[in-house]
Amino acid sequence: MPITESDAATAGALMTKLTNLICALESHPQFDTNDPCKSSVGVFFTWGFVRQIRHDLNAMDLISLEDQEDDTLDEFHEIVGRTVLCNGIICDPSGKGYVLQHVTEGMADPVEWGPKVEAAAQALMPDPVTGKLS
């Protein structure tokens, strides 16, 4: 994802989108709200992965990000890369869950994510023309 005018603003927008995706995953019928560990493997793995991305983004120093410090930019780019992977897990173009099966080493069956989760995952992606995360 190209860096936009304000990396801190992009980080803020990404934080909101990750939170929206977590809420969508928590409303999925295969998610057990009483004990997330009892959720289906694919939903639980994806939920945990998104929560970790949000945690790492929340822990970032936004002032260092705005100052374009190399270590912070590297960390931010890694977080953005993980959001792209998350989108690939949910919006797998094969329709067969190959990405999810690969990252879980075959432990997860394909998941029918539904439109709410798919829309929240698609929102993680930047605009293909401008490269901005709106």
C-alpha atoms as a PDB file:
ATOM      1  CA  MET A   1       0.000   0.000   0.000  1.00  0.00           C
ATOM      2  CA  PRO A   2       1.478   3.359  -0.904  1.00  0.00           C
ATOM      3  CA  ILE A   3       2.053   5.772   1.913  1.00  0.00           C
ATOM      4  CA  THR A   4      -0.587   8.482   1.899  1.00  0.00           C
ATOM      5  CA  GLU A   5      -0.340  12.130   2.975  1.00  0.00           C
ATOM      6  CA  SER A   6      -0.554  11.129   6.616  1.00  0.00           C
ATOM      7  CA  ASP A   7       0.605   7.753   7.816  1.00  0.00           C
ATOM      8  CA  ALA A   8      -0.943   8.440  11.221  1.00  0.00           C
ATOM      9  CA  ALA A   9      -4.307   9.108   9.561  1.00  0.00           C
ATOM     10  CA  THR A  10      -3.927   5.922   7.551  1.00  0.00           C
ATOM     11  CA  ALA A  11      -3.121   4.050  10.771  1.00  0.00           C
ATOM     12  CA  GLY A  12      -6.225   5.527  12.406  1.00  0.00           C
ATOM     13  CA  ALA A  13      -8.427   4.511   9.476  1.00  0.00           C
ATOM     14  CA  LEU A  14      -6.908   1.040   9.515  1.00  0.00           C
ATOM     15  CA  MET A  15      -7.557   0.726  13.271  1.00  0.00           C
ATOM     16  CA  THR A  16     -11.238   1.476  12.709  1.00  0.00           C
ATOM     17  CA  LYS A  17     -11.458  -1.026   9.852  1.00  0.00           C
ATOM     18  CA  LEU A  18      -9.753  -3.742  11.908  1.00  0.00           C
ATOM     19  CA  THR A  19     -12.187  -3.111  14.766  1.00  0.00           C
ATOM     20  CA  ASN A  20     -15.095  -3.385  12.331  1.00  0.00           C
ATOM     21  CA  LEU A  21     -13.741  -6.690  11.039  1.00  0.00           C
ATOM     22  CA  ILE A  22     -13.354  -8.042  14.577  1.00  0.00           C
ATOM     23  CA  CYS A  23     -16.994  -7.135  15.290  1.00  0.00           C
ATOM     24  CA  ALA A  24     -18.078  -8.833  12.058  1.00  0.00           C
ATOM     25  CA  LEU A  25     -16.104 -11.979  12.952  1.00  0.00           C
ATOM     26  CA  GLU A  26     -17.602 -12.008  16.446  1.00  0.00           C
ATOM     27  CA  SER A  27     -21.091 -11.971  14.907  1.00  0.00           C
ATOM     28  CA  HIS A  28     -20.286 -14.911  12.611  1.00  0.00           C
ATOM     29  CA  PRO A  29     -22.456 -17.977  13.368  1.00  0.00           C
ATOM     30  CA  GLN A  30     -19.357 -20.168  13.859  1.00  0.00           C
ATOM     31  CA  PHE A  31     -17.899 -17.818  16.492  1.00  0.00           C
ATOM     32  CA  ASP A  32     -18.558 -18.783  20.106  1.00  0.00           C
ATOM     33  CA  THR A  33     -18.879 -15.522  22.036  1.00  0.00           C
ATOM     34  CA  ASN A  34     -18.864 -17.335  25.394  1.00  0.00           C
ATOM     35  CA  ASP A  35     -15.621 -19.172  24.646  1.00  0.00           C
ATOM     36  CA  PRO A  36     -13.869 -18.087  21.436  1.00  0.00           C
ATOM     37  CA  CYS A  37     -11.625 -21.176  21.620  1.00  0.00           C
ATOM     38  CA  LYS A  38     -14.701 -23.288  20.871  1.00  0.00           C
ATOM     39  CA  SER A  39     -15.291 -21.434  17.586  1.00  0.00           C
ATOM     40  CA  SER A  40     -14.525 -23.150  14.303  1.00  0.00           C
ATOM     41  CA  VAL A  41     -10.772 -23.306  13.701  1.00  0.00           C
ATOM     42  CA  GLY A  42     -10.869 -20.984  10.696  1.00  0.00           C
ATOM     43  CA  VAL A  43     -12.997 -18.318  12.374  1.00  0.00           C
ATOM     44  CA  PHE A  44     -10.988 -18.493  15.608  1.00  0.00           C
ATOM     45  CA  PHE A  45      -7.650 -18.304  13.795  1.00  0.00           C
ATOM     46  CA  THR A  46      -8.757 -15.348  11.675  1.00  0.00           C
ATOM     47  CA  TRP A  47     -10.275 -13.527  14.662  1.00  0.00           C
ATOM     48  CA  GLY A  48      -7.039 -13.946  16.648  1.00  0.00           C
ATOM     49  CA  PHE A  49      -4.933 -12.868  13.685  1.00  0.00           C
ATOM     50  CA  VAL A  50      -6.962  -9.673  13.205  1.00  0.00           C
ATOM     51  CA  ARG A  51      -6.885  -8.916  16.935  1.00  0.00           C
ATOM     52  CA  GLN A  52      -3.074  -9.255  16.928  1.00  0.00           C
ATOM     53  CA  ILE A  53      -2.778  -6.914  13.951  1.00  0.00           C
ATOM     54  CA  ARG A  54      -4.951  -4.346  15.753  1.00  0.00           C
ATOM     55  CA  HIS A  55      -2.914  -4.768  18.954  1.00  0.00           C
ATOM     56  CA  ASP A  56       0.369  -4.214  17.085  1.00  0.00           C
ATOM     57  CA  LEU A  57      -1.032  -1.167  15.303  1.00  0.00           C
ATOM     58  CA  ASN A  58      -2.321   0.246  18.591  1.00  0.00           C
ATOM     59  CA  ALA A  59       1.145  -0.178  20.140  1.00  0.00           C
ATOM     60  CA  MET A  60       2.834   1.834  17.370  1.00  0.00           C
ATOM     61  CA  ASP A  61       4.316   5.235  18.052  1.00  0.00           C
ATOM     62  CA  LEU A  62       2.288   7.433  15.696  1.00  0.00           C
ATOM     63  CA  ILE A  63       4.636  10.382  16.167  1.00  0.00           C
ATOM     64  CA  SER A  64       7.550   8.279  14.906  1.00  0.00           C
ATOM     65  CA  LEU A  65       5.340   7.116  12.071  1.00  0.00           C
ATOM     66  CA  GLU A  66       4.481  10.681  11.121  1.00  0.00           C
ATOM     67  CA  ASP A  67       8.195  11.576  11.325  1.00  0.00           C
ATOM     68  CA  GLN A  68       8.865   8.751   8.827  1.00  0.00           C
ATOM     69  CA  GLU A  69      11.368   6.977  11.103  1.00  0.00           C
ATOM     70  CA  ASP A  70      12.664   3.907   9.296  1.00  0.00           C
ATOM     71  CA  ASP A  71      12.008   1.320  12.021  1.00  0.00           C
ATOM     72  CA  THR A  72       8.467   2.572  12.531  1.00  0.00           C
ATOM     73  CA  LEU A  73       7.788   2.674   8.793  1.00  0.00           C
ATOM     74  CA  ASP A  74       9.031  -0.907   8.485  1.00  0.00           C
ATOM     75  CA  GLU A  75       6.734  -1.954  11.317  1.00  0.00           C
ATOM     76  CA  PHE A  76       3.798  -0.118   9.725  1.00  0.00           C
ATOM     77  CA  HIS A  77       4.447  -1.715   6.335  1.00  0.00           C
ATOM     78  CA  GLU A  78       4.526  -5.133   7.986  1.00  0.00           C
ATOM     79  CA  ILE A  79       1.147  -4.425   9.622  1.00  0.00           C
ATOM     80  CA  VAL A  80      -0.283  -3.316   6.290  1.00  0.00           C
ATOM     81  CA  GLY A  81       1.056  -6.504   4.711  1.00  0.00           C
ATOM     82  CA  ARG A  82      -0.702  -8.589   7.351  1.00  0.00           C
ATOM     83  CA  THR A  83      -3.977  -6.789   6.647  1.00  0.00           C
ATOM     84  CA  VAL A  84      -3.589  -7.713   2.970  1.00  0.00           C
ATOM     85  CA  LEU A  85      -3.041 -11.343   3.992  1.00  0.00           C
ATOM     86  CA  CYS A  86      -6.130 -11.152   6.188  1.00  0.00           C
ATOM     87  CA  ASN A  87      -8.130  -9.919   3.202  1.00  0.00           C
ATOM     88  CA  GLY A  88      -6.768 -12.847   1.188  1.00  0.00           C
ATOM     89  CA  ILE A  89      -7.814 -15.325   3.867  1.00  0.00           C
ATOM     90  CA  ILE A  90     -11.395 -14.076   3.859  1.00  0.00           C
ATOM     91  CA  CYS A  91     -11.813 -12.992   0.233  1.00  0.00           C
ATOM     92  CA  ASP A  92      -9.901 -15.971  -1.199  1.00  0.00           C
ATOM     93  CA  PRO A  93     -10.471 -15.735  -4.948  1.00  0.00           C
ATOM     94  CA  SER A  94     -10.373 -19.521  -5.303  1.00  0.00           C
ATOM     95  CA  GLY A  95     -13.551 -19.758  -3.256  1.00  0.00           C
ATOM     96  CA  LYS A  96     -12.146 -22.941  -1.736  1.00  0.00           C
ATOM     97  CA  GLY A  97     -10.353 -21.556   1.307  1.00  0.00           C
ATOM     98  CA  TYR A  98      -6.855 -22.366   0.036  1.00  0.00           C
ATOM     99  CA  VAL A  99      -5.260 -19.369   1.761  1.00  0.00           C
ATOM    100  CA  LEU A 100      -6.868 -20.240   5.109  1.00  0.00           C
ATOM    101  CA  GLN A 101      -5.868 -23.888   4.756  1.00  0.00           C
ATOM    102  CA  HIS A 102      -2.306 -22.866   3.923  1.00  0.00           C
ATOM    103  CA  VAL A 103      -1.823 -20.486   6.855  1.00  0.00           C
ATOM    104  CA  THR A 104      -3.396 -22.950   9.311  1.00  0.00           C
ATOM    105  CA  GLU A 105      -1.376 -25.840   7.877  1.00  0.00           C
ATOM    106  CA  GLY A 106      -4.561 -27.623   6.825  1.00  0.00           C
ATOM    107  CA  MET A 107      -6.214 -27.477  10.255  1.00  0.00           C
ATOM    108  CA  ALA A 108      -9.133 -25.286   9.125  1.00  0.00           C
ATOM    109  CA  ASP A 109     -11.938 -26.234   6.808  1.00  0.00           C
ATOM    110  CA  PRO A 110     -13.118 -23.572   4.367  1.00  0.00           C
ATOM    111  CA  VAL A 111     -15.435 -21.028   5.980  1.00  0.00           C
ATOM    112  CA  GLU A 112     -18.497 -19.423   4.438  1.00  0.00           C
ATOM    113  CA  TRP A 113     -17.744 -15.940   5.736  1.00  0.00           C
ATOM    114  CA  GLY A 114     -20.916 -14.216   4.614  1.00  0.00           C
ATOM    115  CA  PRO A 115     -21.350 -10.704   3.240  1.00  0.00           C
ATOM    116  CA  LYS A 116     -20.777  -8.844   6.532  1.00  0.00           C
ATOM    117  CA  VAL A 117     -17.331 -10.352   7.164  1.00  0.00           C
ATOM    118  CA  GLU A 118     -16.344 -10.188   3.485  1.00  0.00           C
ATOM    119  CA  ALA A 119     -17.299  -6.504   3.264  1.00  0.00           C
ATOM    120  CA  ALA A 120     -15.323  -5.716   6.432  1.00  0.00           C
ATOM    121  CA  ALA A 121     -12.296  -7.575   5.042  1.00  0.00           C
ATOM    122  CA  GLN A 122     -12.575  -5.848   1.677  1.00  0.00           C
ATOM    123  CA  ALA A 123     -12.607  -2.488   3.483  1.00  0.00           C
ATOM    124  CA  LEU A 124      -9.027  -3.214   4.640  1.00  0.00           C
ATOM    125  CA  MET A 125      -7.799  -2.787   1.087  1.00  0.00           C
ATOM    126  CA  PRO A 126      -6.738   0.604  -0.259  1.00  0.00           C
ATOM    127  CA  ASP A 127      -8.460   2.219  -3.197  1.00  0.00           C
ATOM    128  CA  PRO A 128      -6.888   0.620  -6.300  1.00  0.00           C
ATOM    129  CA  VAL A 129      -6.634   3.979  -8.092  1.00  0.00           C
ATOM    130  CA  THR A 130      -5.457   6.333  -5.350  1.00  0.00           C
ATOM    131  CA  GLY A 131      -3.805   3.848  -2.995  1.00  0.00           C
ATOM    132  CA  LYS A 132      -5.539   5.553  -0.083  1.00  0.00           C
ATOM    133  CA  LEU A 133      -7.357   3.831   2.710  1.00  0.00           C
ATOM    134  CA  SER A 134     -10.553   5.792   3.133  1.00  0.00           C
END
